[in-house]
Amino acid sequence: MRSLPIRIVLLLAVLAGAFAGCTRKTPLPTDVQAPAVQTPKPMLAMSPATAEEMDHVAPAARRYKIALVVKTRNNPFFEPMIREAEAEAERLGVDLEVQAPPQETDKERQFDMVRDLAARGVDAILITPADSKGIVPALKFAQERGVLVINVDNRVDPETARLAGLQLGGFVSADNEAGGRLAGERMMAYLEGAGYVAILEGIRGADNAEARKRGFESAVAGSLEIVASDTAEWDTQKAYAKFQSILAAHPELQGVFAANDKMALGAIQAIREARRRDEIIVIGYDNIPDVRPHLESGAMDATIEQHPDRMGKYSVSLAVAVLEGKMPKGRELMVPLEAIGRATDDELEFAGAPAR
């Protein structure tokens, strides 16, 4: 057998070595490690608290600095919340600072307020978030600086908070989905279980807006037909313009649920200009002073009262109790809801009065 030329032998040797290098696994240096996967901490499970517990919170041992950051002072819903929070702070011997953006849509301004307060070193921030998800990084910033965060009224989005590692110190609110159901049940009673209705929604993505809409929809499902649903972002003028369009597009409309009273006022104006006051049921939410004359005159049929005064009072009580170590983090208090306005036929019959 003829021997291979020396150049071919050398070439085969080089190729064999290259193939062996491709199949060999090169170990990582011992001082190099794969990055650790950061697993978000589970959220603290909220446990219920009672108004009686909050009423028995004792004055603080030192003068804590607490900030209440509401969505805006442009909505009268927040005035009783602020007033009662200030009164409770005085009773408990703590300093309360109130901040609010000019409008409920000023989410970025509220975000900056929270960061500024945290940087200044307040002991606790009580927050009614304008954006349930967008506010989370600012609250996490506060938490990292040792600030206690109490969520008030509009719920911080639980999943966004969990992923960010935000642990809320507590929550004081009303059940917004239950409030939406209460409004839907009222609408069902007024329309006797059949009819065409519309919804004026709050800011989409905000927890309370979504919950109120969801509750209303569940209450009327299978009975009332929702022919239109649009956001007016809690604003009277936006609601007026949106509801003008809804009225023009749906002459069959018999009722509207406005997810707050400011939007209900816009709807009432549009109804009045369309000369349909006696044809359309109007139900709002919040029981602000501006709607009470309309409830008395019959231009508005009902609103849902959710007691913001108690939210303000008990959020301060809860913050002080946690700061003093008298109560653990993660307590939740829900204030009661009630429908205010024209009685239903069932209520009249129950009270012994003749049904209309």
Foldseek 3Di string as FASTA:
>chain_A
DDDDDPVVVVVVVVVVVVVVVVPDDDDDPPVDDDDDDDAFDAEDAFAADEPVVLVPQAAFPDAAEEEEEELAVVDLLCVLLVVLLVVLSVRNRYHYHYHYDHHSPPQVVSLVVLQVVLVVPGQEYEYAHSALQVNQVSQVNSVVSNHAYEYEAFHRDNVSNRVSNHHHQEYEHAQLLVQLLVLLLVVCLVVVQAFEEEEAFAPPNTRSRVSSVNSNCVNNPPGYHHPYYYYQNLAQQSLLVVLLVVCVVCVRHQEYEYAAVSSLNSNLVSCVVVVCQVRYEYEHEDPRPVCVVVLVVSSYAKYKHQPSNSRSNSSSSSSSCCVNVNDGGNYYYHGDMDIDHDDGQVVCVVVVHHGD
